[in-house]
N, C-alpha and C. Protein backbone atom coordinates (compact mmCIF):
# COMPACT_ATOMS: atom_id res chain seq x y z
N UNK A 1 0.87 -1.17 0.00
CA UNK A 1 0.00 0.00 0.00
C UNK A 1 0.91 1.23 0.00
N UNK A 2 0.64 2.15 -0.91
CA UNK A 2 1.50 3.33 -0.97
C UNK A 2 1.18 4.30 0.17
N UNK A 3 2.10 5.18 0.43
CA UNK A 3 2.01 6.11 1.55
C UNK A 3 0.82 7.05 1.44
N UNK A 4 0.53 7.54 0.25
CA UNK A 4 -0.59 8.47 0.05
C UNK A 4 -1.92 7.78 0.36
N UNK A 5 -2.08 6.55 -0.09
CA UNK A 5 -3.31 5.81 0.17
C UNK A 5 -3.45 5.51 1.66
N UNK A 6 -2.35 5.09 2.29
CA UNK A 6 -2.37 4.81 3.72
C UNK A 6 -2.72 6.06 4.51
N UNK A 7 -2.15 7.19 4.17
CA UNK A 7 -2.43 8.45 4.84
C UNK A 7 -3.90 8.84 4.66
N UNK A 8 -4.41 8.65 3.45
CA UNK A 8 -5.83 8.96 3.19
C UNK A 8 -6.74 8.08 4.01
N UNK A 9 -6.43 6.78 4.09
CA UNK A 9 -7.25 5.86 4.89
C UNK A 9 -7.22 6.22 6.37
N UNK A 10 -6.05 6.54 6.87
CA UNK A 10 -5.93 6.92 8.29
C UNK A 10 -6.71 8.21 8.55
N UNK A 11 -6.61 9.16 7.65
CA UNK A 11 -7.33 10.42 7.80
C UNK A 11 -8.84 10.18 7.77
N UNK A 12 -9.31 9.35 6.84
CA UNK A 12 -10.75 9.03 6.76
C UNK A 12 -11.22 8.34 8.03
N UNK A 13 -10.44 7.39 8.51
CA UNK A 13 -10.80 6.69 9.75
C UNK A 13 -10.87 7.67 10.92
N UNK A 14 -9.88 8.56 11.02
CA UNK A 14 -9.86 9.53 12.12
C UNK A 14 -11.08 10.45 12.07
N UNK A 15 -11.43 10.93 10.90
CA UNK A 15 -12.61 11.79 10.75
C UNK A 15 -13.87 11.03 11.12
N UNK A 16 -13.99 9.80 10.63
CA UNK A 16 -15.15 8.96 10.95
C UNK A 16 -15.25 8.72 12.46
N UNK A 17 -14.13 8.37 13.09
CA UNK A 17 -14.09 8.10 14.52
C UNK A 17 -14.51 9.33 15.33
N UNK A 18 -13.95 10.48 15.04
CA UNK A 18 -14.27 11.69 15.80
C UNK A 18 -15.69 12.18 15.53
N UNK A 19 -16.18 12.00 14.30
CA UNK A 19 -17.57 12.39 14.00
C UNK A 19 -18.53 11.52 14.81
N UNK A 20 -18.27 10.23 14.89
CA UNK A 20 -19.13 9.35 15.69
C UNK A 20 -19.01 9.65 17.17
N UNK A 21 -17.83 9.95 17.63
CA UNK A 21 -17.64 10.30 19.03
C UNK A 21 -18.41 11.56 19.38
N UNK A 22 -18.36 12.56 18.53
CA UNK A 22 -19.09 13.81 18.78
C UNK A 22 -20.60 13.58 18.75
N UNK A 23 -21.08 12.73 17.85
CA UNK A 23 -22.53 12.50 17.79
C UNK A 23 -23.01 11.80 19.05
N UNK A 24 -22.17 11.01 19.68
CA UNK A 24 -22.56 10.34 20.93
C UNK A 24 -22.62 11.33 22.08
N UNK A 25 -21.68 12.26 22.14
CA UNK A 25 -21.67 13.18 23.26
C UNK A 25 -22.65 14.33 23.07
N UNK A 26 -22.96 14.70 21.83
CA UNK A 26 -23.88 15.81 21.60
C UNK A 26 -25.32 15.45 21.93
N UNK A 27 -25.71 14.23 21.71
CA UNK A 27 -27.09 13.84 21.89
C UNK A 27 -27.24 12.73 22.91
N UNK A 28 -26.91 13.02 24.14
CA UNK A 28 -26.93 12.00 25.18
C UNK A 28 -28.27 11.28 25.25
N UNK A 29 -29.35 12.02 25.14
CA UNK A 29 -30.68 11.42 25.19
C UNK A 29 -31.44 11.72 23.90
N UNK A 30 -30.75 11.51 22.78
CA UNK A 30 -31.29 11.86 21.48
C UNK A 30 -32.61 11.12 21.18
N UNK A 31 -32.65 9.81 21.43
CA UNK A 31 -33.88 9.06 21.16
C UNK A 31 -34.99 9.55 22.09
N UNK A 32 -34.67 9.82 23.35
CA UNK A 32 -35.67 10.33 24.28
C UNK A 32 -36.23 11.66 23.83
N UNK A 33 -35.38 12.51 23.28
CA UNK A 33 -35.84 13.81 22.77
C UNK A 33 -36.79 13.62 21.60
N UNK A 34 -36.42 12.76 20.66
CA UNK A 34 -37.27 12.50 19.49
C UNK A 34 -38.63 11.95 19.94
N UNK A 35 -38.61 11.00 20.85
CA UNK A 35 -39.86 10.40 21.36
C UNK A 35 -40.68 11.44 22.12
N UNK A 36 -40.02 12.27 22.93
CA UNK A 36 -40.73 13.33 23.66
C UNK A 36 -41.42 14.27 22.68
N UNK A 37 -40.69 14.69 21.66
CA UNK A 37 -41.27 15.63 20.69
C UNK A 37 -42.47 15.02 19.97
N UNK A 38 -42.44 13.72 19.72
CA UNK A 38 -43.54 13.06 19.02
C UNK A 38 -44.74 12.82 19.94
N UNK A 39 -44.49 12.35 21.15
CA UNK A 39 -45.58 11.91 22.03
C UNK A 39 -46.01 12.95 23.08
N UNK A 40 -45.15 13.86 23.45
CA UNK A 40 -45.42 14.70 24.62
C UNK A 40 -45.49 16.20 24.33
N UNK A 41 -44.74 16.66 23.33
CA UNK A 41 -44.57 18.10 23.11
C UNK A 41 -45.85 18.81 22.71
N UNK A 42 -46.82 18.11 22.15
CA UNK A 42 -48.06 18.80 21.75
C UNK A 42 -48.80 19.36 22.96
N UNK A 43 -48.64 18.76 24.11
CA UNK A 43 -49.27 19.28 25.33
C UNK A 43 -48.26 19.99 26.24
N UNK A 44 -47.10 19.39 26.41
CA UNK A 44 -46.12 19.94 27.35
C UNK A 44 -45.11 20.87 26.69
N UNK A 45 -45.24 21.07 25.38
CA UNK A 45 -44.43 21.96 24.57
C UNK A 45 -42.99 21.44 24.41
N UNK A 46 -42.36 21.84 23.31
CA UNK A 46 -40.99 21.38 23.04
C UNK A 46 -40.02 21.81 24.11
N UNK A 47 -40.27 22.97 24.73
CA UNK A 47 -39.36 23.44 25.78
C UNK A 47 -39.81 23.00 27.16
N UNK A 48 -40.84 22.15 27.24
CA UNK A 48 -41.28 21.59 28.51
C UNK A 48 -42.04 22.55 29.41
N UNK A 49 -42.44 23.71 28.90
CA UNK A 49 -43.08 24.72 29.76
C UNK A 49 -44.59 24.53 29.92
N UNK A 50 -45.16 23.53 29.28
CA UNK A 50 -46.60 23.29 29.40
C UNK A 50 -47.39 24.23 28.51
N UNK A 51 -48.69 24.03 28.50
CA UNK A 51 -49.56 24.85 27.65
C UNK A 51 -50.48 25.66 28.54
N UNK A 52 -50.13 26.92 28.72
CA UNK A 52 -50.91 27.86 29.54
C UNK A 52 -51.30 27.21 30.85
N UNK A 53 -52.57 27.27 31.19
CA UNK A 53 -53.02 26.64 32.43
C UNK A 53 -53.75 25.34 32.15
N UNK A 54 -53.55 24.79 30.95
CA UNK A 54 -54.19 23.53 30.58
C UNK A 54 -53.34 22.32 30.92
N UNK A 55 -52.07 22.36 30.51
CA UNK A 55 -51.18 21.22 30.69
C UNK A 55 -49.94 21.67 31.46
N UNK A 56 -49.57 20.93 32.48
CA UNK A 56 -48.48 21.38 33.36
C UNK A 56 -47.10 21.30 32.70
N UNK A 57 -46.20 22.12 33.20
CA UNK A 57 -44.83 22.06 32.71
C UNK A 57 -44.11 20.82 33.24
N UNK A 58 -43.14 20.35 32.45
CA UNK A 58 -42.22 19.32 32.93
C UNK A 58 -40.81 19.91 33.04
N UNK A 59 -40.66 21.13 32.61
CA UNK A 59 -39.41 21.88 32.75
C UNK A 59 -39.52 22.73 34.01
N UNK A 60 -38.66 22.49 34.96
CA UNK A 60 -38.70 23.27 36.19
C UNK A 60 -39.91 22.95 37.05
N UNK A 61 -40.43 21.76 36.95
CA UNK A 61 -41.64 21.36 37.67
C UNK A 61 -41.31 20.88 39.08
N UNK A 62 -41.90 21.55 40.07
CA UNK A 62 -41.70 21.08 41.45
C UNK A 62 -42.34 19.71 41.67
N UNK A 63 -43.44 19.45 40.98
CA UNK A 63 -44.08 18.13 41.08
C UNK A 63 -43.11 17.04 40.60
N UNK A 64 -42.49 17.27 39.46
CA UNK A 64 -41.54 16.29 38.92
C UNK A 64 -40.33 16.15 39.84
N UNK A 65 -39.86 17.26 40.38
CA UNK A 65 -38.71 17.22 41.27
C UNK A 65 -39.00 16.34 42.49
N UNK A 66 -40.23 16.42 43.00
CA UNK A 66 -40.58 15.67 44.21
C UNK A 66 -41.18 14.30 43.94
N UNK A 67 -41.46 13.99 42.67
CA UNK A 67 -42.13 12.74 42.32
C UNK A 67 -41.54 12.08 41.09
N UNK A 68 -40.24 12.20 40.90
CA UNK A 68 -39.62 11.69 39.67
C UNK A 68 -39.86 10.21 39.46
N UNK A 69 -40.00 9.44 40.54
CA UNK A 69 -40.21 8.00 40.42
C UNK A 69 -41.57 7.66 39.81
N UNK A 70 -42.49 8.62 39.77
CA UNK A 70 -43.82 8.40 39.20
C UNK A 70 -43.87 8.61 37.68
N UNK A 71 -42.88 9.29 37.14
CA UNK A 71 -42.91 9.69 35.74
C UNK A 71 -43.12 8.52 34.77
N UNK A 72 -42.38 7.42 34.87
CA UNK A 72 -42.62 6.32 33.92
C UNK A 72 -44.04 5.77 34.02
N UNK A 73 -44.55 5.62 35.23
CA UNK A 73 -45.91 5.10 35.42
C UNK A 73 -46.93 6.03 34.78
N UNK A 74 -46.78 7.33 35.00
CA UNK A 74 -47.71 8.30 34.44
C UNK A 74 -47.67 8.26 32.91
N UNK A 75 -46.48 8.12 32.33
CA UNK A 75 -46.39 8.04 30.87
C UNK A 75 -47.16 6.85 30.32
N UNK A 76 -47.02 5.71 30.97
CA UNK A 76 -47.68 4.51 30.44
C UNK A 76 -49.17 4.48 30.74
N UNK A 77 -49.58 4.87 31.96
CA UNK A 77 -50.96 4.67 32.39
C UNK A 77 -51.78 5.95 32.51
N UNK A 78 -51.13 7.10 32.46
CA UNK A 78 -51.84 8.36 32.57
C UNK A 78 -52.11 8.74 34.01
N UNK A 79 -52.81 9.85 34.18
CA UNK A 79 -53.13 10.35 35.52
C UNK A 79 -54.39 11.20 35.43
N UNK A 80 -55.22 11.11 36.46
CA UNK A 80 -56.46 11.90 36.53
C UNK A 80 -56.51 12.61 37.86
N UNK A 81 -57.38 13.61 37.91
CA UNK A 81 -57.58 14.34 39.15
C UNK A 81 -56.69 15.56 39.22
N UNK A 82 -56.98 16.41 40.17
CA UNK A 82 -56.21 17.65 40.28
C UNK A 82 -54.75 17.37 40.62
N UNK A 83 -53.89 18.18 40.03
CA UNK A 83 -52.45 18.06 40.20
C UNK A 83 -51.90 19.47 40.35
N UNK A 84 -51.18 19.73 41.41
CA UNK A 84 -50.59 21.05 41.63
C UNK A 84 -49.14 21.04 41.19
N UNK A 85 -48.82 21.93 40.27
CA UNK A 85 -47.46 22.05 39.74
C UNK A 85 -47.07 23.52 39.80
N UNK A 86 -45.99 23.80 40.51
CA UNK A 86 -45.48 25.17 40.65
C UNK A 86 -46.57 26.14 41.13
N UNK A 87 -47.41 25.65 42.03
CA UNK A 87 -48.44 26.50 42.62
C UNK A 87 -49.72 26.62 41.82
N UNK A 88 -49.79 26.04 40.62
CA UNK A 88 -51.00 26.08 39.80
C UNK A 88 -51.65 24.71 39.80
N UNK A 89 -52.99 24.70 39.79
CA UNK A 89 -53.71 23.43 39.76
C UNK A 89 -54.11 23.10 38.32
N UNK A 90 -53.84 21.85 37.94
CA UNK A 90 -54.20 21.32 36.63
C UNK A 90 -55.15 20.16 36.85
N UNK A 91 -56.23 20.10 36.06
CA UNK A 91 -57.22 19.05 36.29
C UNK A 91 -57.73 18.43 34.99
N UNK A 92 -56.93 18.46 33.94
CA UNK A 92 -57.29 17.78 32.70
C UNK A 92 -56.59 16.42 32.72
N UNK A 93 -57.35 15.33 32.59
CA UNK A 93 -56.71 14.01 32.62
C UNK A 93 -55.66 13.86 31.53
N UNK A 94 -54.58 13.17 31.88
CA UNK A 94 -53.55 12.85 30.90
C UNK A 94 -53.71 11.38 30.55
N UNK A 95 -53.93 11.09 29.29
CA UNK A 95 -54.00 9.71 28.84
C UNK A 95 -52.62 9.11 28.85
N UNK A 96 -52.55 7.85 29.18
CA UNK A 96 -51.28 7.14 29.11
C UNK A 96 -50.97 6.77 27.67
N UNK A 97 -49.77 6.30 27.46
CA UNK A 97 -49.33 5.87 26.13
C UNK A 97 -48.87 4.41 26.26
N UNK A 98 -49.82 3.48 26.33
CA UNK A 98 -49.45 2.09 26.61
C UNK A 98 -48.64 1.42 25.50
N UNK A 99 -48.65 1.98 24.30
CA UNK A 99 -47.89 1.36 23.21
C UNK A 99 -46.39 1.62 23.30
N UNK A 100 -45.97 2.54 24.17
CA UNK A 100 -44.54 2.77 24.34
C UNK A 100 -43.91 1.59 25.07
N UNK A 101 -42.76 1.16 24.59
CA UNK A 101 -42.03 0.09 25.27
C UNK A 101 -41.36 0.65 26.52
N UNK A 102 -40.94 -0.24 27.39
CA UNK A 102 -40.24 0.19 28.60
C UNK A 102 -38.95 0.93 28.24
N UNK A 103 -38.28 0.51 27.20
CA UNK A 103 -37.05 1.19 26.76
C UNK A 103 -37.37 2.60 26.29
N UNK A 104 -38.44 2.76 25.52
CA UNK A 104 -38.82 4.09 25.06
C UNK A 104 -39.21 4.99 26.23
N UNK A 105 -39.95 4.45 27.18
CA UNK A 105 -40.32 5.23 28.37
C UNK A 105 -39.07 5.61 29.16
N UNK A 106 -38.13 4.71 29.26
CA UNK A 106 -36.87 5.01 29.94
C UNK A 106 -36.13 6.15 29.24
N UNK A 107 -36.10 6.11 27.91
CA UNK A 107 -35.43 7.17 27.16
C UNK A 107 -36.11 8.52 27.33
N UNK A 108 -37.44 8.54 27.27
CA UNK A 108 -38.17 9.80 27.47
C UNK A 108 -37.97 10.30 28.89
N UNK A 109 -38.08 9.41 29.86
CA UNK A 109 -37.90 9.79 31.27
C UNK A 109 -36.55 10.46 31.47
N UNK A 110 -35.49 9.84 30.99
CA UNK A 110 -34.16 10.40 31.21
C UNK A 110 -33.93 11.68 30.42
N UNK A 111 -34.59 11.80 29.28
CA UNK A 111 -34.52 13.07 28.56
C UNK A 111 -35.18 14.18 29.39
N UNK A 112 -36.40 13.94 29.86
CA UNK A 112 -37.13 14.95 30.63
C UNK A 112 -36.36 15.32 31.91
N UNK A 113 -35.81 14.33 32.60
CA UNK A 113 -35.11 14.59 33.85
C UNK A 113 -33.85 15.43 33.68
N UNK A 114 -33.30 15.44 32.45
CA UNK A 114 -32.05 16.16 32.25
C UNK A 114 -32.15 17.32 31.26
N UNK A 115 -33.31 17.49 30.62
CA UNK A 115 -33.45 18.53 29.59
C UNK A 115 -33.73 19.90 30.21
N UNK A 116 -33.55 20.92 29.39
CA UNK A 116 -33.90 22.30 29.72
C UNK A 116 -33.20 22.72 31.02
N UNK A 117 -33.97 23.18 32.01
CA UNK A 117 -33.36 23.58 33.28
C UNK A 117 -33.35 22.44 34.28
N UNK A 118 -33.91 21.28 33.90
CA UNK A 118 -33.96 20.14 34.82
C UNK A 118 -32.58 19.54 35.03
N UNK A 119 -32.26 19.33 36.26
CA UNK A 119 -31.02 18.65 36.65
C UNK A 119 -31.41 17.60 37.70
N UNK A 120 -32.26 16.66 37.26
CA UNK A 120 -32.86 15.70 38.20
C UNK A 120 -32.23 14.32 38.09
N UNK A 121 -31.05 14.24 37.51
CA UNK A 121 -30.36 12.97 37.40
C UNK A 121 -30.99 12.08 36.35
N UNK A 122 -30.80 10.79 36.50
CA UNK A 122 -31.37 9.82 35.58
C UNK A 122 -32.00 8.70 36.39
N UNK A 123 -32.78 7.89 35.71
CA UNK A 123 -33.35 6.69 36.32
C UNK A 123 -32.78 5.48 35.58
N UNK A 124 -32.35 4.50 36.33
CA UNK A 124 -31.88 3.27 35.70
C UNK A 124 -33.07 2.54 35.08
N UNK A 125 -32.78 1.62 34.20
CA UNK A 125 -33.85 0.84 33.59
C UNK A 125 -34.61 0.06 34.66
N UNK A 126 -33.89 -0.42 35.66
CA UNK A 126 -34.53 -1.15 36.76
C UNK A 126 -35.52 -0.25 37.52
N UNK A 127 -35.13 1.00 37.75
CA UNK A 127 -36.03 1.94 38.43
C UNK A 127 -37.26 2.23 37.57
N UNK A 128 -37.06 2.36 36.27
CA UNK A 128 -38.19 2.58 35.37
C UNK A 128 -39.13 1.38 35.42
N UNK A 129 -38.58 0.18 35.37
CA UNK A 129 -39.41 -1.03 35.43
C UNK A 129 -40.15 -1.13 36.76
N UNK A 130 -39.50 -0.76 37.84
CA UNK A 130 -40.16 -0.76 39.15
C UNK A 130 -41.36 0.18 39.15
N UNK A 131 -41.19 1.36 38.57
CA UNK A 131 -42.29 2.32 38.48
C UNK A 131 -43.43 1.77 37.63
N UNK A 132 -43.07 1.19 36.49
CA UNK A 132 -44.09 0.67 35.58
C UNK A 132 -44.89 -0.47 36.18
N UNK A 133 -44.25 -1.27 37.03
CA UNK A 133 -44.88 -2.45 37.60
C UNK A 133 -45.56 -2.19 38.94
N UNK A 134 -45.57 -0.95 39.37
CA UNK A 134 -46.24 -0.61 40.63
C UNK A 134 -47.12 0.60 40.37
N UNK A 135 -47.82 1.01 41.39
CA UNK A 135 -48.58 2.26 41.29
C UNK A 135 -48.00 3.17 42.36
N UNK A 136 -46.94 3.88 42.02
CA UNK A 136 -46.28 4.70 43.03
C UNK A 136 -47.21 5.74 43.64
N UNK A 137 -47.33 5.69 44.93
CA UNK A 137 -48.13 6.67 45.69
C UNK A 137 -49.57 6.74 45.24
N UNK A 138 -50.14 5.63 44.75
CA UNK A 138 -51.56 5.58 44.45
C UNK A 138 -52.05 6.57 43.42
N UNK A 139 -51.38 6.65 42.29
CA UNK A 139 -51.80 7.56 41.22
C UNK A 139 -53.17 7.15 40.72
N UNK A 140 -54.06 8.13 40.55
CA UNK A 140 -55.39 7.87 40.00
C UNK A 140 -55.30 7.79 38.49
N UNK A 141 -55.84 6.71 37.94
CA UNK A 141 -55.91 6.60 36.48
C UNK A 141 -57.00 5.63 36.09
C-alpha cells in the first residue's frame, strides 16, 4: 500500500471516529428527545413549559422534582384528578401511552429529567421497570 493511500485511509478513519464520538456526546438522550417531541410536546411543549393553564410544565416542575419515580408510570398509564405544579392546579386528565415500550419510556424519562433547566439525574432501567410495575403513591388513572 503506498504512503498516500495509507495516509488517506488513516485520515478518513480519524474523521469517521471523531464524528461518531461527537454524535454520541452531543445527543446524550437523542432518542428520548425525538420520542418526547412526538408523544409529549403537543401538550407539554418542546421546551417543557406546558400549555398555559391547561397542561403542566415538565421543565422546572416542582411536582416532577418531588415525584420523579412516578414519571414512567404516568407516561404509560396516565393520571387523573387535580395536580398542583409550581403552585398552579391542573385538572385535565392525561391519557397514558401504553404502546410505548419500557425502553422508550426510559429514554423519554431520562430526557425529561435532564433537559432544559432540569437537573434531576437519571433513572436506571430497573427503576423505570419498578415504576411501571407498581402504582407509586396511588396515582389515579
